[in-house]
Amino acid sequence: MPGLVELSKRHAELRVVGLCKSENYGYDVGEKKAVRPLTTETYPAHVEKFRTDMKLTYPLAINDTGANNKAFKIIGVPTLVVIDREGIVRWASVGAGEHGLMEIVVDGLMKK
């Protein structure tokens, strides 16, 4: 996540969005532990607190439908997806990914 913040600072026109699947648990950054249980009503506030605590400069959205999981064939969390200006998926990685590789992909796409 800090790498995504840095990458978005280098490329002002880059749009980074974190997409969260609605869950009944979360993570407390300050306490460094899982938070359970969370309800549908409390989850959005938890996500915003997480974003603030992590000092993320990009928005976090919440998806309840699972449509993105199907569309991008999500098999693990986190999954990073780079989509170009035409809406074509150019790179995807399950897990935190290799930061350097994602930077190469994004840097290359931003030059086009």
N, C-alpha and C. Protein backbone atom coordinates (compact mmCIF):
# COMPACT_ATOMS: atom_id res chain seq x y z
N MET A 1 0.81 -1.20 0.00
CA MET A 1 0.00 0.00 0.00
C MET A 1 0.85 1.26 0.00
N PRO A 2 1.91 1.32 0.81
CA PRO A 2 2.76 2.51 0.72
C PRO A 2 3.39 2.66 -0.67
N GLY A 3 3.69 1.54 -1.32
CA GLY A 3 4.24 1.60 -2.67
C GLY A 3 3.25 2.19 -3.66
N LEU A 4 1.97 1.89 -3.48
CA LEU A 4 0.95 2.46 -4.35
C LEU A 4 0.84 3.97 -4.14
N VAL A 5 0.99 4.40 -2.89
CA VAL A 5 0.97 5.84 -2.59
C VAL A 5 2.13 6.52 -3.31
N GLU A 6 3.32 5.94 -3.22
CA GLU A 6 4.50 6.52 -3.87
C GLU A 6 4.35 6.53 -5.38
N LEU A 7 3.84 5.45 -5.94
CA LEU A 7 3.64 5.37 -7.38
C LEU A 7 2.66 6.43 -7.85
N SER A 8 1.59 6.65 -7.10
CA SER A 8 0.61 7.66 -7.49
C SER A 8 1.17 9.08 -7.33
N LYS A 9 2.12 9.26 -6.44
CA LYS A 9 2.78 10.58 -6.31
C LYS A 9 3.64 10.87 -7.54
N ARG A 10 4.29 9.84 -8.07
CA ARG A 10 5.16 10.01 -9.24
C ARG A 10 4.36 10.25 -10.52
N HIS A 11 3.15 9.72 -10.57
CA HIS A 11 2.31 9.83 -11.76
C HIS A 11 0.98 10.47 -11.36
N ALA A 12 0.92 11.79 -11.43
CA ALA A 12 -0.29 12.51 -10.99
C ALA A 12 -1.54 12.05 -11.73
N GLU A 13 -1.40 11.61 -12.98
CA GLU A 13 -2.56 11.20 -13.76
C GLU A 13 -2.98 9.74 -13.48
N LEU A 14 -2.20 9.02 -12.71
CA LEU A 14 -2.53 7.64 -12.34
C LEU A 14 -3.69 7.62 -11.35
N ARG A 15 -4.64 6.76 -11.58
CA ARG A 15 -5.77 6.61 -10.67
C ARG A 15 -5.63 5.29 -9.93
N VAL A 16 -5.48 5.38 -8.63
CA VAL A 16 -5.38 4.20 -7.78
C VAL A 16 -6.65 4.12 -6.95
N VAL A 17 -7.26 2.95 -6.94
CA VAL A 17 -8.46 2.73 -6.12
C VAL A 17 -8.28 1.38 -5.44
N GLY A 18 -8.47 1.35 -4.15
CA GLY A 18 -8.47 0.09 -3.42
C GLY A 18 -9.90 -0.40 -3.32
N LEU A 19 -10.11 -1.64 -3.63
CA LEU A 19 -11.45 -2.20 -3.59
C LEU A 19 -11.49 -3.26 -2.50
N CYS A 20 -12.35 -3.05 -1.52
CA CYS A 20 -12.49 -3.96 -0.39
C CYS A 20 -13.74 -4.79 -0.55
N LYS A 21 -13.63 -6.05 -0.24
CA LYS A 21 -14.81 -6.91 -0.20
C LYS A 21 -15.39 -6.77 1.20
N SER A 22 -16.68 -6.56 1.29
CA SER A 22 -17.32 -6.42 2.59
C SER A 22 -17.14 -7.69 3.42
N GLU A 23 -16.58 -7.53 4.59
CA GLU A 23 -16.28 -8.66 5.47
C GLU A 23 -16.84 -8.38 6.86
N ASN A 24 -16.84 -9.41 7.70
CA ASN A 24 -17.28 -9.23 9.09
C ASN A 24 -16.09 -9.04 10.03
N TYR A 25 -14.94 -8.73 9.44
CA TYR A 25 -13.73 -8.48 10.22
C TYR A 25 -12.87 -7.45 9.49
N GLY A 26 -11.89 -6.94 10.19
CA GLY A 26 -10.97 -5.98 9.59
C GLY A 26 -9.67 -6.01 10.34
N TYR A 27 -8.85 -4.99 10.14
CA TYR A 27 -7.54 -4.92 10.79
C TYR A 27 -7.37 -3.55 11.41
N ASP A 28 -6.98 -3.52 12.66
CA ASP A 28 -6.70 -2.28 13.37
C ASP A 28 -5.21 -2.01 13.27
N VAL A 29 -4.84 -0.97 12.54
CA VAL A 29 -3.44 -0.64 12.31
C VAL A 29 -2.73 -0.30 13.61
N GLY A 30 -3.35 0.53 14.43
CA GLY A 30 -2.73 0.95 15.69
C GLY A 30 -2.52 -0.20 16.66
N GLU A 31 -3.50 -1.07 16.75
CA GLU A 31 -3.44 -2.21 17.66
C GLU A 31 -2.69 -3.40 17.05
N LYS A 32 -2.50 -3.37 15.73
CA LYS A 32 -1.85 -4.46 15.00
C LYS A 32 -2.53 -5.80 15.25
N LYS A 33 -3.86 -5.78 15.09
CA LYS A 33 -4.61 -7.02 15.30
C LYS A 33 -5.93 -6.97 14.54
N ALA A 34 -6.49 -8.16 14.35
CA ALA A 34 -7.79 -8.26 13.69
C ALA A 34 -8.87 -7.69 14.58
N VAL A 35 -9.89 -7.14 13.93
CA VAL A 35 -11.05 -6.60 14.63
C VAL A 35 -12.25 -7.44 14.21
N ARG A 36 -12.92 -8.00 15.20
CA ARG A 36 -14.11 -8.83 14.96
C ARG A 36 -15.11 -8.55 16.05
N PRO A 37 -16.36 -8.66 15.83
CA PRO A 37 -17.00 -8.70 14.51
C PRO A 37 -17.29 -7.31 14.02
N LEU A 38 -17.36 -7.15 12.72
CA LEU A 38 -17.83 -5.91 12.10
C LEU A 38 -19.15 -6.23 11.41
N THR A 39 -20.04 -5.26 11.43
CA THR A 39 -21.33 -5.44 10.77
C THR A 39 -21.34 -4.69 9.45
N THR A 40 -22.34 -4.93 8.66
CA THR A 40 -22.50 -4.20 7.40
C THR A 40 -22.54 -2.70 7.66
N GLU A 41 -23.13 -2.32 8.78
CA GLU A 41 -23.24 -0.90 9.12
C GLU A 41 -21.92 -0.29 9.59
N THR A 42 -21.10 -1.05 10.30
CA THR A 42 -19.85 -0.51 10.84
C THR A 42 -18.65 -0.67 9.90
N TYR A 43 -18.79 -1.53 8.89
CA TYR A 43 -17.65 -1.81 8.00
C TYR A 43 -17.15 -0.56 7.26
N PRO A 44 -18.01 0.28 6.67
CA PRO A 44 -17.51 1.47 5.98
C PRO A 44 -16.67 2.39 6.87
N ALA A 45 -17.09 2.61 8.10
CA ALA A 45 -16.31 3.46 9.01
C ALA A 45 -14.97 2.81 9.33
N HIS A 46 -14.97 1.49 9.47
CA HIS A 46 -13.72 0.78 9.74
C HIS A 46 -12.75 0.94 8.56
N VAL A 47 -13.27 0.80 7.34
CA VAL A 47 -12.43 0.94 6.15
C VAL A 47 -11.84 2.35 6.07
N GLU A 48 -12.63 3.36 6.37
CA GLU A 48 -12.12 4.74 6.34
C GLU A 48 -11.06 4.95 7.42
N LYS A 49 -11.25 4.40 8.60
CA LYS A 49 -10.24 4.51 9.66
C LYS A 49 -8.95 3.81 9.24
N PHE A 50 -9.07 2.64 8.62
CA PHE A 50 -7.91 1.92 8.12
C PHE A 50 -7.16 2.77 7.10
N ARG A 51 -7.90 3.37 6.16
CA ARG A 51 -7.29 4.22 5.13
C ARG A 51 -6.54 5.39 5.76
N THR A 52 -7.15 6.02 6.75
CA THR A 52 -6.51 7.14 7.43
C THR A 52 -5.28 6.68 8.21
N ASP A 53 -5.42 5.59 8.97
CA ASP A 53 -4.30 5.08 9.77
C ASP A 53 -3.11 4.65 8.90
N MET A 54 -3.41 4.14 7.71
CA MET A 54 -2.34 3.71 6.79
C MET A 54 -1.79 4.87 5.96
N LYS A 55 -2.39 6.06 6.13
CA LYS A 55 -1.99 7.26 5.39
C LYS A 55 -2.08 7.06 3.88
N LEU A 56 -3.16 6.40 3.47
CA LEU A 56 -3.37 6.17 2.04
C LEU A 56 -3.92 7.43 1.40
N THR A 57 -3.42 7.77 0.25
CA THR A 57 -3.85 8.97 -0.46
C THR A 57 -4.86 8.64 -1.55
N TYR A 58 -5.21 7.39 -1.66
CA TYR A 58 -6.19 6.97 -2.66
C TYR A 58 -7.42 6.41 -1.96
N PRO A 59 -8.57 6.45 -2.65
CA PRO A 59 -9.81 6.00 -2.00
C PRO A 59 -9.88 4.48 -1.88
N LEU A 60 -10.64 4.05 -0.91
CA LEU A 60 -10.98 2.63 -0.75
C LEU A 60 -12.48 2.52 -0.95
N ALA A 61 -12.88 1.68 -1.87
CA ALA A 61 -14.30 1.45 -2.14
C ALA A 61 -14.67 0.07 -1.59
N ILE A 62 -15.94 -0.14 -1.38
CA ILE A 62 -16.43 -1.41 -0.84
C ILE A 62 -17.35 -2.04 -1.87
N ASN A 63 -17.10 -3.32 -2.16
CA ASN A 63 -17.91 -4.06 -3.12
C ASN A 63 -18.56 -5.23 -2.41
N ASP A 64 -19.87 -5.28 -2.43
CA ASP A 64 -20.60 -6.38 -1.80
C ASP A 64 -21.02 -7.47 -2.78
N THR A 65 -20.94 -7.21 -4.07
CA THR A 65 -21.55 -8.13 -5.03
C THR A 65 -20.67 -9.31 -5.43
N GLY A 66 -19.37 -9.16 -5.34
CA GLY A 66 -18.48 -10.22 -5.81
C GLY A 66 -18.25 -10.17 -7.31
N ALA A 67 -18.86 -9.21 -8.00
CA ALA A 67 -18.70 -9.11 -9.45
C ALA A 67 -17.25 -8.91 -9.86
N ASN A 68 -16.52 -8.09 -9.11
CA ASN A 68 -15.11 -7.87 -9.43
C ASN A 68 -14.29 -9.13 -9.21
N ASN A 69 -14.63 -9.91 -8.19
CA ASN A 69 -13.92 -11.16 -7.96
C ASN A 69 -14.05 -12.07 -9.17
N LYS A 70 -15.23 -12.11 -9.76
CA LYS A 70 -15.45 -12.94 -10.94
C LYS A 70 -14.77 -12.34 -12.16
N ALA A 71 -14.94 -11.05 -12.37
CA ALA A 71 -14.40 -10.39 -13.55
C ALA A 71 -12.88 -10.49 -13.63
N PHE A 72 -12.21 -10.34 -12.48
CA PHE A 72 -10.75 -10.36 -12.46
C PHE A 72 -10.19 -11.70 -11.97
N LYS A 73 -11.09 -12.68 -11.79
CA LYS A 73 -10.68 -14.02 -11.34
C LYS A 73 -9.82 -13.95 -10.08
N ILE A 74 -10.32 -13.21 -9.09
CA ILE A 74 -9.60 -13.02 -7.83
C ILE A 74 -9.55 -14.34 -7.07
N ILE A 75 -8.32 -14.78 -6.76
CA ILE A 75 -8.16 -16.02 -6.01
C ILE A 75 -7.42 -15.80 -4.70
N GLY A 76 -7.00 -14.57 -4.46
CA GLY A 76 -6.28 -14.27 -3.23
C GLY A 76 -6.33 -12.79 -2.93
N VAL A 77 -6.01 -12.45 -1.71
CA VAL A 77 -6.04 -11.06 -1.26
C VAL A 77 -4.68 -10.71 -0.68
N PRO A 78 -4.10 -9.59 -1.06
CA PRO A 78 -4.62 -8.65 -2.06
C PRO A 78 -4.33 -9.14 -3.48
N THR A 79 -5.05 -8.61 -4.41
CA THR A 79 -4.78 -8.79 -5.83
C THR A 79 -4.59 -7.40 -6.42
N LEU A 80 -3.51 -7.22 -7.14
CA LEU A 80 -3.22 -5.94 -7.79
C LEU A 80 -3.53 -6.08 -9.26
N VAL A 81 -4.25 -5.12 -9.82
CA VAL A 81 -4.61 -5.14 -11.23
C VAL A 81 -4.27 -3.78 -11.83
N VAL A 82 -3.55 -3.79 -12.94
CA VAL A 82 -3.23 -2.56 -13.66
C VAL A 82 -4.05 -2.57 -14.95
N ILE A 83 -4.87 -1.54 -15.11
CA ILE A 83 -5.75 -1.40 -16.26
C ILE A 83 -5.33 -0.15 -17.02
N ASP A 84 -5.16 -0.28 -18.34
CA ASP A 84 -4.71 0.88 -19.11
C ASP A 84 -5.86 1.83 -19.43
N ARG A 85 -5.54 2.87 -20.16
CA ARG A 85 -6.54 3.91 -20.48
C ARG A 85 -7.72 3.40 -21.30
N GLU A 86 -7.50 2.31 -22.03
CA GLU A 86 -8.56 1.74 -22.85
C GLU A 86 -9.37 0.68 -22.09
N GLY A 87 -9.04 0.47 -20.82
CA GLY A 87 -9.77 -0.50 -20.01
C GLY A 87 -9.26 -1.93 -20.14
N ILE A 88 -8.07 -2.10 -20.71
CA ILE A 88 -7.48 -3.44 -20.89
C ILE A 88 -6.59 -3.76 -19.69
N VAL A 89 -6.80 -4.95 -19.11
CA VAL A 89 -5.95 -5.39 -18.01
C VAL A 89 -4.57 -5.70 -18.58
N ARG A 90 -3.57 -5.00 -18.08
CA ARG A 90 -2.19 -5.15 -18.57
C ARG A 90 -1.31 -5.96 -17.63
N TRP A 91 -1.73 -6.08 -16.36
CA TRP A 91 -0.92 -6.81 -15.40
C TRP A 91 -1.77 -7.12 -14.19
N ALA A 92 -1.56 -8.28 -13.61
CA ALA A 92 -2.24 -8.64 -12.37
C ALA A 92 -1.32 -9.51 -11.55
N SER A 93 -1.45 -9.40 -10.25
CA SER A 93 -0.63 -10.17 -9.33
C SER A 93 -1.43 -10.50 -8.09
N VAL A 94 -1.38 -11.75 -7.68
CA VAL A 94 -2.01 -12.16 -6.43
C VAL A 94 -0.98 -11.99 -5.32
N GLY A 95 -1.40 -11.40 -4.23
CA GLY A 95 -0.49 -11.10 -3.14
C GLY A 95 0.00 -9.67 -3.26
N ALA A 96 0.93 -9.31 -2.43
CA ALA A 96 1.43 -7.94 -2.42
C ALA A 96 2.17 -7.60 -3.71
N GLY A 97 2.55 -8.61 -4.46
CA GLY A 97 3.22 -8.38 -5.74
C GLY A 97 4.66 -7.96 -5.55
N GLU A 98 5.36 -7.98 -6.64
CA GLU A 98 6.73 -7.50 -6.62
C GLU A 98 6.68 -6.04 -7.00
N HIS A 99 6.92 -5.21 -6.01
CA HIS A 99 6.76 -3.77 -6.18
C HIS A 99 7.51 -3.26 -7.41
N GLY A 100 8.72 -3.69 -7.61
CA GLY A 100 9.51 -3.22 -8.74
C GLY A 100 8.89 -3.57 -10.07
N LEU A 101 8.28 -4.76 -10.16
CA LEU A 101 7.64 -5.18 -11.41
C LEU A 101 6.42 -4.32 -11.71
N MET A 102 5.62 -4.05 -10.71
CA MET A 102 4.45 -3.21 -10.92
C MET A 102 4.88 -1.80 -11.36
N GLU A 103 5.95 -1.30 -10.78
CA GLU A 103 6.44 0.03 -11.18
C GLU A 103 6.86 0.04 -12.64
N ILE A 104 7.52 -1.02 -13.11
CA ILE A 104 7.93 -1.10 -14.51
C ILE A 104 6.71 -1.07 -15.42
N VAL A 105 5.69 -1.86 -15.07
CA VAL A 105 4.47 -1.92 -15.87
C VAL A 105 3.80 -0.55 -15.91
N VAL A 106 3.60 0.07 -14.76
CA VAL A 106 2.92 1.37 -14.70
C VAL A 106 3.74 2.44 -15.39
N ASP A 107 5.05 2.47 -15.13
CA ASP A 107 5.90 3.47 -15.78
C ASP A 107 5.81 3.36 -17.31
N GLY A 108 5.82 2.12 -17.82
CA GLY A 108 5.71 1.90 -19.26
C GLY A 108 4.37 2.36 -19.82
N LEU A 109 3.29 2.04 -19.12
CA LEU A 109 1.97 2.45 -19.59
C LEU A 109 1.79 3.96 -19.55
N MET A 110 2.36 4.61 -18.55
CA MET A 110 2.18 6.05 -18.42
C MET A 110 2.93 6.81 -19.50
N LYS A 111 3.92 6.20 -20.13
CA LYS A 111 4.68 6.86 -21.19
C LYS A 111 3.93 6.85 -22.52
N LYS A 112 2.93 5.97 -22.64
CA LYS A 112 2.19 5.87 -23.91
C LYS A 112 1.29 7.07 -24.11
